[in-house]
């Protein structure tokens, strides 16, 4: 954009105007503390068979994780990608 000053001085000025910018990502220690396991270890007869994020079916040895206040398990990689991209409010997926 021709109206945006992308020079070093312009970026310093923008930084002074905006103040400290913080990441909206979920902290890595919170992500690391989430319960994890394999689909095989978690699954019961009435368990869901696919990840609510990617909609792929779980494999027996797929790593899964869950949010503390949610009954759903998700592919570990799917949830981690989401959590490092956004702040996730720890509510059940059923509330959406």
PDB file of N, CA and C in Angstrom:
ATOM      1  N   UNK A   1       0.844  -1.165   0.000  1.00  0.00           N
ATOM      2  CA  UNK A   1       0.000   0.000   0.000  1.00  0.00           C
ATOM      3  C   UNK A   1       0.893   1.232   0.000  1.00  0.00           C
ATOM      4  N   UNK A   2       0.624   2.151  -0.877  1.00  0.00           N
ATOM      5  CA  UNK A   2       1.488   3.321  -1.008  1.00  0.00           C
ATOM      6  C   UNK A   2       1.369   4.299   0.156  1.00  0.00           C
ATOM      7  N   UNK A   3       0.323   4.185   0.969  1.00  0.00           N
ATOM      8  CA  UNK A   3       0.164   5.074   2.116  1.00  0.00           C
ATOM      9  C   UNK A   3       0.901   4.560   3.349  1.00  0.00           C
ATOM     10  N   UNK A   4       1.354   3.311   3.315  1.00  0.00           N
ATOM     11  CA  UNK A   4       2.031   2.708   4.465  1.00  0.00           C
ATOM     12  C   UNK A   4       3.528   2.974   4.379  1.00  0.00           C
ATOM     13  N   UNK A   5       4.091   3.542   5.423  1.00  0.00           N
ATOM     14  CA  UNK A   5       5.520   3.820   5.485  1.00  0.00           C
ATOM     15  C   UNK A   5       6.228   2.604   6.072  1.00  0.00           C
ATOM     16  N   UNK A   6       6.852   1.808   5.219  1.00  0.00           N
ATOM     17  CA  UNK A   6       7.506   0.580   5.681  1.00  0.00           C
ATOM     18  C   UNK A   6       8.995   0.786   5.974  1.00  0.00           C
ATOM     19  N   UNK A   7       9.426   2.029   6.034  1.00  0.00           N
ATOM     20  CA  UNK A   7      10.824   2.295   6.383  1.00  0.00           C
ATOM     21  C   UNK A   7      11.055   1.937   7.841  1.00  0.00           C
ATOM     22  N   UNK A   8      12.307   1.815   8.231  1.00  0.00           N
ATOM     23  CA  UNK A   8      12.655   1.496   9.615  1.00  0.00           C
ATOM     24  C   UNK A   8      12.057   2.520  10.570  1.00  0.00           C
ATOM     25  N   UNK A   9      12.197   3.792  10.214  1.00  0.00           N
ATOM     26  CA  UNK A   9      11.674   4.860  11.056  1.00  0.00           C
ATOM     27  C   UNK A   9      10.147   4.792  11.133  1.00  0.00           C
ATOM     28  N   UNK A  10       9.522   4.484  10.005  1.00  0.00           N
ATOM     29  CA  UNK A  10       8.065   4.353   9.979  1.00  0.00           C
ATOM     30  C   UNK A  10       7.583   3.209  10.852  1.00  0.00           C
ATOM     31  N   UNK A  11       8.306   2.088  10.817  1.00  0.00           N
ATOM     32  CA  UNK A  11       7.933   0.952  11.657  1.00  0.00           C
ATOM     33  C   UNK A  11       8.154   1.253  13.143  1.00  0.00           C
ATOM     34  N   UNK A  12       9.225   1.989  13.461  1.00  0.00           N
ATOM     35  CA  UNK A  12       9.443   2.403  14.850  1.00  0.00           C
ATOM     36  C   UNK A  12       8.302   3.300  15.326  1.00  0.00           C
ATOM     37  N   UNK A  13       7.885   4.209  14.481  1.00  0.00           N
ATOM     38  CA  UNK A  13       6.779   5.094  14.822  1.00  0.00           C
ATOM     39  C   UNK A  13       5.489   4.308  15.018  1.00  0.00           C
ATOM     40  N   UNK A  14       5.246   3.345  14.153  1.00  0.00           N
ATOM     41  CA  UNK A  14       4.069   2.491  14.286  1.00  0.00           C
ATOM     42  C   UNK A  14       4.113   1.725  15.604  1.00  0.00           C
ATOM     43  N   UNK A  15       5.290   1.203  15.965  1.00  0.00           N
ATOM     44  CA  UNK A  15       5.458   0.489  17.224  1.00  0.00           C
ATOM     45  C   UNK A  15       5.162   1.370  18.423  1.00  0.00           C
ATOM     46  N   UNK A  16       5.585   2.616  18.361  1.00  0.00           N
ATOM     47  CA  UNK A  16       5.307   3.557  19.453  1.00  0.00           C
ATOM     48  C   UNK A  16       3.811   3.858  19.542  1.00  0.00           C
ATOM     49  N   UNK A  17       3.158   3.938  18.400  1.00  0.00           N
ATOM     50  CA  UNK A  17       1.726   4.217  18.370  1.00  0.00           C
ATOM     51  C   UNK A  17       0.913   3.047  18.914  1.00  0.00           C
ATOM     52  N   UNK A  18       1.268   1.832  18.488  1.00  0.00           N
ATOM     53  CA  UNK A  18       0.506   0.646  18.882  1.00  0.00           C
ATOM     54  C   UNK A  18       0.833   0.166  20.287  1.00  0.00           C
ATOM     55  N   UNK A  19       2.051   0.391  20.726  1.00  0.00           N
ATOM     56  CA  UNK A  19       2.478  -0.138  22.015  1.00  0.00           C
ATOM     57  C   UNK A  19       2.890  -1.595  21.867  1.00  0.00           C
ATOM     58  N   UNK A  20       3.013  -2.276  22.999  1.00  0.00           N
ATOM     59  CA  UNK A  20       3.459  -3.671  22.975  1.00  0.00           C
ATOM     60  C   UNK A  20       2.388  -4.556  22.351  1.00  0.00           C
ATOM     61  N   UNK A  21       2.794  -5.352  21.399  1.00  0.00           N
ATOM     62  CA  UNK A  21       1.887  -6.283  20.735  1.00  0.00           C
ATOM     63  C   UNK A  21       2.210  -7.679  21.246  1.00  0.00           C
ATOM     64  N   UNK A  22       1.210  -8.353  21.739  1.00  0.00           N
ATOM     65  CA  UNK A  22       1.419  -9.691  22.294  1.00  0.00           C
ATOM     66  C   UNK A  22       0.802 -10.741  21.394  1.00  0.00           C
ATOM     67  N   UNK A  23       1.384 -11.897  21.440  1.00  0.00           N
ATOM     68  CA  UNK A  23       0.884 -13.020  20.665  1.00  0.00           C
ATOM     69  C   UNK A  23      -0.494 -13.428  21.175  1.00  0.00           C
ATOM     70  N   UNK A  24      -1.363 -13.811  20.252  1.00  0.00           N
ATOM     71  CA  UNK A  24      -2.684 -14.306  20.636  1.00  0.00           C
ATOM     72  C   UNK A  24      -2.675 -15.819  20.776  1.00  0.00           C
ATOM     73  N   UNK A  25      -1.524 -16.413  20.633  1.00  0.00           N
ATOM     74  CA  UNK A  25      -1.415 -17.865  20.707  1.00  0.00           C
ATOM     75  C   UNK A  25      -1.569 -18.363  22.141  1.00  0.00           C
ATOM     76  N   UNK A  26      -2.046 -19.588  22.265  1.00  0.00           N
ATOM     77  CA  UNK A  26      -2.111 -20.242  23.565  1.00  0.00           C
ATOM     78  C   UNK A  26      -0.673 -20.544  23.992  1.00  0.00           C
ATOM     79  N   UNK A  27      -0.288 -20.232  25.219  1.00  0.00           N
ATOM     80  CA  UNK A  27       1.089 -20.486  25.668  1.00  0.00           C
ATOM     81  C   UNK A  27       1.478 -21.956  25.530  1.00  0.00           C
ATOM     82  N   UNK A  28       2.732 -22.200  25.160  1.00  0.00           N
ATOM     83  CA  UNK A  28       3.205 -23.565  24.914  1.00  0.00           C
ATOM     84  C   UNK A  28       3.102 -24.452  26.150  1.00  0.00           C
ATOM     85  N   UNK A  29       3.259 -23.877  27.355  1.00  0.00           N
ATOM     86  CA  UNK A  29       3.140 -24.702  28.564  1.00  0.00           C
ATOM     87  C   UNK A  29       1.701 -25.177  28.774  1.00  0.00           C
ATOM     88  N   UNK A  30       0.724 -24.380  28.346  1.00  0.00           N
ATOM     89  CA  UNK A  30      -0.672 -24.800  28.432  1.00  0.00           C
ATOM     90  C   UNK A  30      -0.933 -25.934  27.446  1.00  0.00           C
ATOM     91  N   UNK A  31      -0.428 -25.790  26.225  1.00  0.00           N
ATOM     92  CA  UNK A  31      -0.600 -26.846  25.216  1.00  0.00           C
ATOM     93  C   UNK A  31       0.048 -28.137  25.685  1.00  0.00           C
ATOM     94  N   UNK A  32       1.252 -28.036  26.241  1.00  0.00           N
ATOM     95  CA  UNK A  32       1.976 -29.232  26.699  1.00  0.00           C
ATOM     96  C   UNK A  32       1.276 -29.926  27.862  1.00  0.00           C
ATOM     97  N   UNK A  33       0.468 -29.200  28.622  1.00  0.00           N
ATOM     98  CA  UNK A  33      -0.186 -29.785  29.793  1.00  0.00           C
ATOM     99  C   UNK A  33      -1.500 -30.494  29.469  1.00  0.00           C
ATOM    100  N   UNK A  34      -1.971 -30.407  28.238  1.00  0.00           N
ATOM    101  CA  UNK A  34      -3.239 -31.037  27.874  1.00  0.00           C
ATOM    102  C   UNK A  34      -3.121 -32.564  27.897  1.00  0.00           C
ATOM    103  N   UNK A  35      -4.184 -33.264  28.329  1.00  0.00           N
ATOM    104  CA  UNK A  35      -4.153 -34.728  28.349  1.00  0.00           C
ATOM    105  C   UNK A  35      -3.960 -35.287  26.938  1.00  0.00           C
ATOM    106  N   UNK A  36      -3.076 -36.253  26.796  1.00  0.00           N
ATOM    107  CA  UNK A  36      -2.824 -36.859  25.485  1.00  0.00           C
ATOM    108  C   UNK A  36      -2.808 -38.377  25.606  1.00  0.00           C
ATOM    109  N   UNK A  37      -2.951 -39.028  24.492  1.00  0.00           N
ATOM    110  CA  UNK A  37      -2.903 -40.488  24.424  1.00  0.00           C
ATOM    111  C   UNK A  37      -3.031 -40.913  22.974  1.00  0.00           C
ATOM    112  N   UNK A  38      -3.354 -42.168  22.761  1.00  0.00           N
ATOM    113  CA  UNK A  38      -3.612 -42.650  21.405  1.00  0.00           C
ATOM    114  C   UNK A  38      -5.102 -42.922  21.275  1.00  0.00           C
ATOM    115  N   UNK A  39      -5.579 -42.899  20.052  1.00  0.00           N
ATOM    116  CA  UNK A  39      -6.998 -43.166  19.824  1.00  0.00           C
ATOM    117  C   UNK A  39      -7.377 -44.534  20.373  1.00  0.00           C
ATOM    118  N   UNK A  40      -6.530 -45.513  20.154  1.00  0.00           N
ATOM    119  CA  UNK A  40      -6.797 -46.879  20.625  1.00  0.00           C
ATOM    120  C   UNK A  40      -6.996 -46.902  22.145  1.00  0.00           C
ATOM    121  N   UNK A  41      -6.176 -46.165  22.885  1.00  0.00           N
ATOM    122  CA  UNK A  41      -6.272 -46.153  24.342  1.00  0.00           C
ATOM    123  C   UNK A  41      -7.502 -45.382  24.825  1.00  0.00           C
ATOM    124  N   UNK A  42      -7.931 -44.398  24.089  1.00  0.00           N
ATOM    125  CA  UNK A  42      -9.054 -43.555  24.486  1.00  0.00           C
ATOM    126  C   UNK A  42     -10.408 -44.099  24.043  1.00  0.00           C
ATOM    127  N   UNK A  43     -10.447 -44.713  22.877  1.00  0.00           N
ATOM    128  CA  UNK A  43     -11.718 -45.057  22.245  1.00  0.00           C
ATOM    129  C   UNK A  43     -12.532 -46.065  23.053  1.00  0.00           C
ATOM    130  N   UNK A  44     -13.829 -45.817  23.052  1.00  0.00           N
ATOM    131  CA  UNK A  44     -14.802 -46.733  23.632  1.00  0.00           C
ATOM    132  C   UNK A  44     -15.769 -47.117  22.525  1.00  0.00           C
ATOM    133  N   UNK A  45     -16.675 -47.998  22.812  1.00  0.00           N
ATOM    134  CA  UNK A  45     -17.603 -48.469  21.788  1.00  0.00           C
ATOM    135  C   UNK A  45     -18.425 -47.344  21.161  1.00  0.00           C
ATOM    136  N   UNK A  46     -18.807 -46.348  21.963  1.00  0.00           N
ATOM    137  CA  UNK A  46     -19.641 -45.263  21.457  1.00  0.00           C
ATOM    138  C   UNK A  46     -18.850 -43.988  21.128  1.00  0.00           C
ATOM    139  N   UNK A  47     -17.538 -44.088  21.045  1.00  0.00           N
ATOM    140  CA  UNK A  47     -16.693 -42.918  20.769  1.00  0.00           C
ATOM    141  C   UNK A  47     -16.832 -42.443  19.331  1.00  0.00           C
ATOM    142  N   UNK A  48     -16.615 -41.139  19.157  1.00  0.00           N
ATOM    143  CA  UNK A  48     -16.581 -40.597  17.804  1.00  0.00           C
ATOM    144  C   UNK A  48     -15.404 -41.199  17.060  1.00  0.00           C
ATOM    145  N   UNK A  49     -15.518 -41.309  15.762  1.00  0.00           N
ATOM    146  CA  UNK A  49     -14.474 -41.968  14.969  1.00  0.00           C
ATOM    147  C   UNK A  49     -13.679 -41.002  14.109  1.00  0.00           C
ATOM    148  N   UNK A  50     -14.013 -39.706  14.180  1.00  0.00           N
ATOM    149  CA  UNK A  50     -13.249 -38.742  13.389  1.00  0.00           C
ATOM    150  C   UNK A  50     -13.011 -37.460  14.168  1.00  0.00           C
ATOM    151  N   UNK A  51     -11.948 -36.804  13.786  1.00  0.00           N
ATOM    152  CA  UNK A  51     -11.516 -35.559  14.431  1.00  0.00           C
ATOM    153  C   UNK A  51     -12.459 -34.422  14.035  1.00  0.00           C
ATOM    154  N   UNK A  52     -12.997 -33.670  15.015  1.00  0.00           N
ATOM    155  CA  UNK A  52     -13.886 -32.559  14.689  1.00  0.00           C
ATOM    156  C   UNK A  52     -13.210 -31.386  13.977  1.00  0.00           C
ATOM    157  N   UNK A  53     -11.883 -31.353  13.964  1.00  0.00           N
ATOM    158  CA  UNK A  53     -11.187 -30.254  13.291  1.00  0.00           C
ATOM    159  C   UNK A  53     -10.941 -30.589  11.821  1.00  0.00           C
ATOM    160  N   UNK A  54     -10.265 -31.704  11.547  1.00  0.00           N
ATOM    161  CA  UNK A  54      -9.921 -32.040  10.159  1.00  0.00           C
ATOM    162  C   UNK A  54     -10.937 -32.960   9.494  1.00  0.00           C
ATOM    163  N   UNK A  55     -11.798 -33.562  10.299  1.00  0.00           N
ATOM    164  CA  UNK A  55     -12.840 -34.483   9.846  1.00  0.00           C
ATOM    165  C   UNK A  55     -12.292 -35.785   9.267  1.00  0.00           C
ATOM    166  N   UNK A  56     -11.005 -36.075   9.499  1.00  0.00           N
ATOM    167  CA  UNK A  56     -10.437 -37.363   9.102  1.00  0.00           C
ATOM    168  C   UNK A  56     -10.742 -38.399  10.177  1.00  0.00           C
ATOM    169  N   UNK A  57     -10.887 -39.647   9.748  1.00  0.00           N
ATOM    170  CA  UNK A  57     -11.076 -40.744  10.696  1.00  0.00           C
ATOM    171  C   UNK A  57      -9.806 -40.947  11.505  1.00  0.00           C
ATOM    172  N   UNK A  58      -9.975 -41.340  12.756  1.00  0.00           N
ATOM    173  CA  UNK A  58      -8.834 -41.665  13.599  1.00  0.00           C
ATOM    174  C   UNK A  58      -8.260 -43.014  13.193  1.00  0.00           C
ATOM    175  N   UNK A  59      -6.937 -43.124  13.217  1.00  0.00           N
ATOM    176  CA  UNK A  59      -6.258 -44.416  13.108  1.00  0.00           C
ATOM    177  C   UNK A  59      -6.019 -44.935  14.522  1.00  0.00           C
ATOM    178  N   UNK A  60      -5.867 -46.219  14.683  1.00  0.00           N
ATOM    179  CA  UNK A  60      -5.699 -46.812  16.016  1.00  0.00           C
ATOM    180  C   UNK A  60      -4.569 -46.167  16.810  1.00  0.00           C
ATOM    181  N   UNK A  61      -3.460 -45.862  16.153  1.00  0.00           N
ATOM    182  CA  UNK A  61      -2.292 -45.330  16.844  1.00  0.00           C
ATOM    183  C   UNK A  61      -2.151 -43.809  16.727  1.00  0.00           C
ATOM    184  N   UNK A  62      -3.179 -43.141  16.242  1.00  0.00           N
ATOM    185  CA  UNK A  62      -3.117 -41.684  16.113  1.00  0.00           C
ATOM    186  C   UNK A  62      -2.990 -41.025  17.489  1.00  0.00           C
ATOM    187  N   UNK A  63      -2.056 -40.071  17.636  1.00  0.00           N
ATOM    188  CA  UNK A  63      -1.981 -39.307  18.880  1.00  0.00           C
ATOM    189  C   UNK A  63      -3.189 -38.374  18.968  1.00  0.00           C
ATOM    190  N   UNK A  64      -3.853 -38.382  20.111  1.00  0.00           N
ATOM    191  CA  UNK A  64      -4.999 -37.513  20.334  1.00  0.00           C
ATOM    192  C   UNK A  64      -4.800 -36.738  21.628  1.00  0.00           C
ATOM    193  N   UNK A  65      -5.494 -35.615  21.727  1.00  0.00           N
ATOM    194  CA  UNK A  65      -5.441 -34.795  22.932  1.00  0.00           C
ATOM    195  C   UNK A  65      -6.801 -34.173  23.133  1.00  0.00           C
ATOM    196  N   UNK A  66      -7.028 -33.636  24.311  1.00  0.00           N
ATOM    197  CA  UNK A  66      -8.321 -33.012  24.579  1.00  0.00           C
ATOM    198  C   UNK A  66      -8.139 -31.763  25.426  1.00  0.00           C
ATOM    199  N   UNK A  67      -9.129 -30.907  25.338  1.00  0.00           N
ATOM    200  CA  UNK A  67      -9.177 -29.733  26.191  1.00  0.00           C
ATOM    201  C   UNK A  67      -9.714 -30.165  27.547  1.00  0.00           C
ATOM    202  N   UNK A  68      -9.273 -29.520  28.577  1.00  0.00           N
ATOM    203  CA  UNK A  68      -9.605 -29.931  29.944  1.00  0.00           C
ATOM    204  C   UNK A  68     -11.104 -29.996  30.191  1.00  0.00           C
ATOM    205  N   UNK A  69     -11.847 -28.998  29.764  1.00  0.00           N
ATOM    206  CA  UNK A  69     -13.278 -28.948  30.058  1.00  0.00           C
ATOM    207  C   UNK A  69     -14.139 -29.442  28.901  1.00  0.00           C
ATOM    208  N   UNK A  70     -13.599 -30.262  28.053  1.00  0.00           N
ATOM    209  CA  UNK A  70     -14.318 -30.747  26.876  1.00  0.00           C
ATOM    210  C   UNK A  70     -14.227 -32.270  26.830  1.00  0.00           C
ATOM    211  N   UNK A  71     -15.282 -32.925  26.427  1.00  0.00           N
ATOM    212  CA  UNK A  71     -15.271 -34.386  26.357  1.00  0.00           C
ATOM    213  C   UNK A  71     -14.710 -34.906  25.042  1.00  0.00           C
ATOM    214  N   UNK A  72     -14.511 -34.028  24.063  1.00  0.00           N
ATOM    215  CA  UNK A  72     -14.021 -34.449  22.751  1.00  0.00           C
ATOM    216  C   UNK A  72     -12.502 -34.602  22.742  1.00  0.00           C
ATOM    217  N   UNK A  73     -12.050 -35.655  22.090  1.00  0.00           N
ATOM    218  CA  UNK A  73     -10.631 -35.828  21.798  1.00  0.00           C
ATOM    219  C   UNK A  73     -10.434 -35.397  20.360  1.00  0.00           C
ATOM    220  N   UNK A  74      -9.255 -34.877  20.055  1.00  0.00           N
ATOM    221  CA  UNK A  74      -8.955 -34.395  18.710  1.00  0.00           C
ATOM    222  C   UNK A  74      -7.564 -34.878  18.325  1.00  0.00           C
ATOM    223  N   UNK A  75      -7.279 -34.920  17.016  1.00  0.00           N
ATOM    224  CA  UNK A  75      -5.905 -35.219  16.620  1.00  0.00           C
ATOM    225  C   UNK A  75      -4.991 -34.217  17.319  1.00  0.00           C
ATOM    226  N   UNK A  76      -3.944 -34.710  17.913  1.00  0.00           N
ATOM    227  CA  UNK A  76      -3.009 -33.851  18.644  1.00  0.00           C
ATOM    228  C   UNK A  76      -2.466 -32.746  17.744  1.00  0.00           C
ATOM    229  N   UNK A  77      -2.034 -33.100  16.543  1.00  0.00           N
ATOM    230  CA  UNK A  77      -1.466 -32.109  15.615  1.00  0.00           C
ATOM    231  C   UNK A  77      -2.502 -31.062  15.211  1.00  0.00           C
ATOM    232  N   UNK A  78      -3.743 -31.481  14.984  1.00  0.00           N
ATOM    233  CA  UNK A  78      -4.799 -30.528  14.595  1.00  0.00           C
ATOM    234  C   UNK A  78      -5.021 -29.500  15.693  1.00  0.00           C
ATOM    235  N   UNK A  79      -5.159 -29.966  16.928  1.00  0.00           N
ATOM    236  CA  UNK A  79      -5.419 -29.052  18.027  1.00  0.00           C
ATOM    237  C   UNK A  79      -4.223 -28.139  18.289  1.00  0.00           C
ATOM    238  N   UNK A  80      -3.015 -28.681  18.203  1.00  0.00           N
ATOM    239  CA  UNK A  80      -1.829 -27.860  18.448  1.00  0.00           C
ATOM    240  C   UNK A  80      -1.691 -26.754  17.415  1.00  0.00           C
ATOM    241  N   UNK A  81      -1.950 -27.055  16.142  1.00  0.00           N
ATOM    242  CA  UNK A  81      -1.881 -26.019  15.102  1.00  0.00           C
ATOM    243  C   UNK A  81      -2.888 -24.925  15.402  1.00  0.00           C
ATOM    244  N   UNK A  82      -4.085 -25.310  15.794  1.00  0.00           N
ATOM    245  CA  UNK A  82      -5.106 -24.326  16.117  1.00  0.00           C
ATOM    246  C   UNK A  82      -4.689 -23.477  17.319  1.00  0.00           C
ATOM    247  N   UNK A  83      -4.196 -24.128  18.354  1.00  0.00           N
ATOM    248  CA  UNK A  83      -3.877 -23.402  19.584  1.00  0.00           C
ATOM    249  C   UNK A  83      -2.685 -22.465  19.448  1.00  0.00           C
ATOM    250  N   UNK A  84      -1.720 -22.774  18.580  1.00  0.00           N
ATOM    251  CA  UNK A  84      -0.601 -21.838  18.394  1.00  0.00           C
ATOM    252  C   UNK A  84      -0.988 -20.689  17.478  1.00  0.00           C
ATOM    253  N   UNK A  85      -2.134 -20.813  16.810  1.00  0.00           N
ATOM    254  CA  UNK A  85      -2.597 -19.757  15.925  1.00  0.00           C
ATOM    255  C   UNK A  85      -3.580 -18.806  16.596  1.00  0.00           C
ATOM    256  N   UNK A  86      -4.313 -19.290  17.576  1.00  0.00           N
ATOM    257  CA  UNK A  86      -5.385 -18.512  18.190  1.00  0.00           C
ATOM    258  C   UNK A  86      -5.423 -18.765  19.687  1.00  0.00           C
ATOM    259  N   UNK A  87      -6.006 -17.820  20.391  1.00  0.00           N
ATOM    260  CA  UNK A  87      -6.318 -18.057  21.793  1.00  0.00           C
ATOM    261  C   UNK A  87      -7.616 -18.851  21.797  1.00  0.00           C
ATOM    262  N   UNK A  88      -7.615 -19.960  22.459  1.00  0.00           N
ATOM    263  CA  UNK A  88      -8.798 -20.802  22.501  1.00  0.00           C
ATOM    264  C   UNK A  88      -9.424 -20.680  23.875  1.00  0.00           C
ATOM    265  N   UNK A  89     -10.676 -20.350  23.901  1.00  0.00           N
ATOM    266  CA  UNK A  89     -11.384 -20.285  25.165  1.00  0.00           C
ATOM    267  C   UNK A  89     -11.830 -21.699  25.481  1.00  0.00           C
ATOM    268  N   UNK A  90     -11.427 -22.197  26.607  1.00  0.00           N
ATOM    269  CA  UNK A  90     -11.599 -23.590  26.940  1.00  0.00           C
ATOM    270  C   UNK A  90     -13.058 -23.921  27.239  1.00  0.00           C
ATOM    271  N   UNK A  91     -13.817 -24.046  26.168  1.00  0.00           N
ATOM    272  CA  UNK A  91     -15.214 -24.446  26.255  1.00  0.00           C
ATOM    273  C   UNK A  91     -15.378 -25.695  25.410  1.00  0.00           C
ATOM    274  N   UNK A  92     -16.376 -26.434  25.690  1.00  0.00           N
ATOM    275  CA  UNK A  92     -16.630 -27.652  24.939  1.00  0.00           C
ATOM    276  C   UNK A  92     -17.008 -27.324  23.498  1.00  0.00           C
ATOM    277  N   UNK A  93     -16.625 -28.195  22.593  1.00  0.00           N
ATOM    278  CA  UNK A  93     -17.003 -28.030  21.194  1.00  0.00           C
ATOM    279  C   UNK A  93     -18.513 -28.109  21.031  1.00  0.00           C
ATOM    280  N   UNK A  94     -19.202 -28.724  21.973  1.00  0.00           N
ATOM    281  CA  UNK A  94     -20.649 -28.846  21.876  1.00  0.00           C
ATOM    282  C   UNK A  94     -21.343 -27.507  22.121  1.00  0.00           C
ATOM    283  N   UNK A  95     -20.629 -26.521  22.639  1.00  0.00           N
ATOM    284  CA  UNK A  95     -21.247 -25.224  22.906  1.00  0.00           C
ATOM    285  C   UNK A  95     -21.265 -24.324  21.680  1.00  0.00           C
ATOM    286  N   UNK A  96     -20.712 -24.773  20.570  1.00  0.00           N
ATOM    287  CA  UNK A  96     -20.681 -23.961  19.352  1.00  0.00           C
ATOM    288  C   UNK A  96     -21.803 -24.314  18.412  1.00  0.00           C
TER     289      UNK A  96
END
